[in-house]
Amino acid sequence: MSEAENPTRSSTPQASVTDVRELCGASTPHFALQIRNRIARLIDGLPSDSPARLLGEQEMRRLKTLGIDGEQRGHRAEAGMSPLASVNDRPDA
């Protein structure tokens, strides 16, 4: 993923909440830190009470956690059930 900005987004006079949501909508751990950087550039210069800035700062915190810690899908193992072995841990791998 490139960190290059969409030309139509950068030509708008002021970033909006929609712009922030478009950038972080389907974020994954693989690209979370790049998206965080793009949001930082997008909201740079906005007033501290701007809704786009507030949402951007919130999303930047979430993306940093996602990029560093990854994500948990589904639910944790229930009592008496052990998690599945990693593909790398299987003897036939």
C-alpha atoms as a PDB file:
ATOM      1  CA  MET A   1       0.000   0.000   0.000  1.00  0.00           C
ATOM      2  CA  SER A   2       1.302   3.373  -0.910  1.00  0.00           C
ATOM      3  CA  GLU A   3       1.180   6.285   1.451  1.00  0.00           C
ATOM      4  CA  ALA A   4       0.469   8.543  -1.530  1.00  0.00           C
ATOM      5  CA  GLU A   5      -2.687  10.558  -1.085  1.00  0.00           C
ATOM      6  CA  ASN A   6      -5.781  10.489  -3.253  1.00  0.00           C
ATOM      7  CA  PRO A   7      -5.551  13.704  -5.343  1.00  0.00           C
ATOM      8  CA  THR A   8      -9.238  14.517  -4.857  1.00  0.00           C
ATOM      9  CA  ARG A   9      -8.912  14.257  -1.089  1.00  0.00           C
ATOM     10  CA  SER A  10      -5.825  16.472  -0.912  1.00  0.00           C
ATOM     11  CA  SER A  11      -7.459  19.167  -3.019  1.00  0.00           C
ATOM     12  CA  THR A  12     -10.295  19.672  -0.535  1.00  0.00           C
ATOM     13  CA  PRO A  13      -9.822  22.776   1.608  1.00  0.00           C
ATOM     14  CA  GLN A  14     -10.448  21.023   4.927  1.00  0.00           C
ATOM     15  CA  ALA A  15     -10.536  17.353   5.873  1.00  0.00           C
ATOM     16  CA  SER A  16     -13.896  15.947   6.929  1.00  0.00           C
ATOM     17  CA  VAL A  17     -15.048  13.095   9.147  1.00  0.00           C
ATOM     18  CA  THR A  18     -15.905  11.234   5.931  1.00  0.00           C
ATOM     19  CA  ASP A  19     -12.302  11.568   4.731  1.00  0.00           C
ATOM     20  CA  VAL A  20     -11.025  10.034   7.987  1.00  0.00           C
ATOM     21  CA  ARG A  21     -13.573   7.213   7.811  1.00  0.00           C
ATOM     22  CA  GLU A  22     -12.636   6.447   4.201  1.00  0.00           C
ATOM     23  CA  LEU A  23      -8.998   6.027   5.163  1.00  0.00           C
ATOM     24  CA  CYS A  24      -9.495   3.794   8.185  1.00  0.00           C
ATOM     25  CA  GLY A  25     -12.634   1.892   7.207  1.00  0.00           C
ATOM     26  CA  ALA A  26     -11.210  -1.527   6.398  1.00  0.00           C
ATOM     27  CA  SER A  27      -7.878  -1.311   8.184  1.00  0.00           C
ATOM     28  CA  THR A  28      -5.874  -4.466   8.853  1.00  0.00           C
ATOM     29  CA  PRO A  29      -2.831  -5.039  11.064  1.00  0.00           C
ATOM     30  CA  HIS A  30      -0.613  -5.183   7.969  1.00  0.00           C
ATOM     31  CA  PHE A  31      -1.411  -1.622   6.892  1.00  0.00           C
ATOM     32  CA  ALA A  32      -2.489  -0.013  10.169  1.00  0.00           C
ATOM     33  CA  LEU A  33       0.667   2.039  10.696  1.00  0.00           C
ATOM     34  CA  GLN A  34       0.687   3.359   7.116  1.00  0.00           C
ATOM     35  CA  ILE A  35      -2.969   4.365   7.455  1.00  0.00           C
ATOM     36  CA  ARG A  36      -2.173   6.031  10.774  1.00  0.00           C
ATOM     37  CA  ASN A  37       0.494   8.129   9.024  1.00  0.00           C
ATOM     38  CA  ARG A  38      -1.930   9.143   6.284  1.00  0.00           C
ATOM     39  CA  ILE A  39      -4.530  10.210   8.841  1.00  0.00           C
ATOM     40  CA  ALA A  40      -1.891  12.253  10.690  1.00  0.00           C
ATOM     41  CA  ARG A  41      -1.093  14.149   7.473  1.00  0.00           C
ATOM     42  CA  LEU A  42      -4.795  14.575   6.708  1.00  0.00           C
ATOM     43  CA  ILE A  43      -5.690  16.160  10.052  1.00  0.00           C
ATOM     44  CA  ASP A  44      -2.482  18.186  10.402  1.00  0.00           C
ATOM     45  CA  GLY A  45      -3.403  21.834  10.772  1.00  0.00           C
ATOM     46  CA  LEU A  46      -7.045  21.283  11.726  1.00  0.00           C
ATOM     47  CA  PRO A  47      -8.294  23.081  14.839  1.00  0.00           C
ATOM     48  CA  SER A  48      -8.198  21.028  18.056  1.00  0.00           C
ATOM     49  CA  ASP A  49     -12.008  20.993  18.275  1.00  0.00           C
ATOM     50  CA  SER A  50     -12.563  19.854  14.678  1.00  0.00           C
ATOM     51  CA  PRO A  51     -14.713  16.683  14.498  1.00  0.00           C
ATOM     52  CA  ALA A  52     -12.393  15.304  11.809  1.00  0.00           C
ATOM     53  CA  ARG A  53      -9.346  15.905  14.020  1.00  0.00           C
ATOM     54  CA  LEU A  54     -10.975  14.325  17.076  1.00  0.00           C
ATOM     55  CA  LEU A  55     -11.999  11.234  15.096  1.00  0.00           C
ATOM     56  CA  GLY A  56      -8.584  11.124  13.412  1.00  0.00           C
ATOM     57  CA  GLU A  57      -6.754  11.170  16.743  1.00  0.00           C
ATOM     58  CA  GLN A  58      -9.022   8.422  18.075  1.00  0.00           C
ATOM     59  CA  GLU A  59      -8.440   6.298  14.974  1.00  0.00           C
ATOM     60  CA  MET A  60      -4.687   6.892  15.126  1.00  0.00           C
ATOM     61  CA  ARG A  61      -4.612   5.421  18.653  1.00  0.00           C
ATOM     62  CA  ARG A  62      -6.675   2.429  17.525  1.00  0.00           C
ATOM     63  CA  LEU A  63      -4.511   1.876  14.446  1.00  0.00           C
ATOM     64  CA  LYS A  64      -1.298   2.014  16.472  1.00  0.00           C
ATOM     65  CA  THR A  65      -2.632  -0.704  18.775  1.00  0.00           C
ATOM     66  CA  LEU A  66      -3.849  -2.745  15.810  1.00  0.00           C
ATOM     67  CA  GLY A  67      -0.515  -2.440  14.018  1.00  0.00           C
ATOM     68  CA  ILE A  68       1.551  -3.432  17.035  1.00  0.00           C
ATOM     69  CA  ASP A  69      -0.658  -5.983  18.808  1.00  0.00           C
ATOM     70  CA  GLY A  70      -2.587  -7.409  15.852  1.00  0.00           C
ATOM     71  CA  GLU A  71      -6.179  -8.507  16.261  1.00  0.00           C
ATOM     72  CA  GLN A  72      -8.145 -11.284  17.914  1.00  0.00           C
ATOM     73  CA  ARG A  73     -10.743 -12.864  15.659  1.00  0.00           C
ATOM     74  CA  GLY A  74     -13.679 -14.785  17.064  1.00  0.00           C
ATOM     75  CA  HIS A  75     -13.651 -15.471  20.770  1.00  0.00           C
ATOM     76  CA  ARG A  76     -11.035 -16.880  23.090  1.00  0.00           C
ATOM     77  CA  ALA A  77     -10.919 -20.596  23.845  1.00  0.00           C
ATOM     78  CA  GLU A  78     -13.579 -21.770  26.265  1.00  0.00           C
ATOM     79  CA  ALA A  79     -12.782 -23.660  29.439  1.00  0.00           C
ATOM     80  CA  GLY A  80     -11.644 -27.209  28.627  1.00  0.00           C
ATOM     81  CA  MET A  81     -10.820 -26.372  25.003  1.00  0.00           C
ATOM     82  CA  SER A  82      -7.272 -25.780  23.840  1.00  0.00           C
ATOM     83  CA  PRO A  83      -6.501 -23.452  20.934  1.00  0.00           C
ATOM     84  CA  LEU A  84      -5.631 -24.949  17.564  1.00  0.00           C
ATOM     85  CA  ALA A  85      -1.954 -25.462  16.891  1.00  0.00           C
ATOM     86  CA  SER A  86      -0.190 -23.076  14.567  1.00  0.00           C
ATOM     87  CA  VAL A  87       0.405 -24.327  11.048  1.00  0.00           C
ATOM     88  CA  ASN A  88       4.141 -24.092  11.809  1.00  0.00           C
ATOM     89  CA  ASP A  89       3.730 -26.380  14.840  1.00  0.00           C
ATOM     90  CA  ARG A  90       2.143 -29.259  12.923  1.00  0.00           C
ATOM     91  CA  PRO A  91       4.391 -32.230  12.126  1.00  0.00           C
ATOM     92  CA  ASP A  92       3.311 -32.382   8.466  1.00  0.00           C
ATOM     93  CA  ALA A  93       3.987 -28.690   7.818  1.00  0.00           C
END
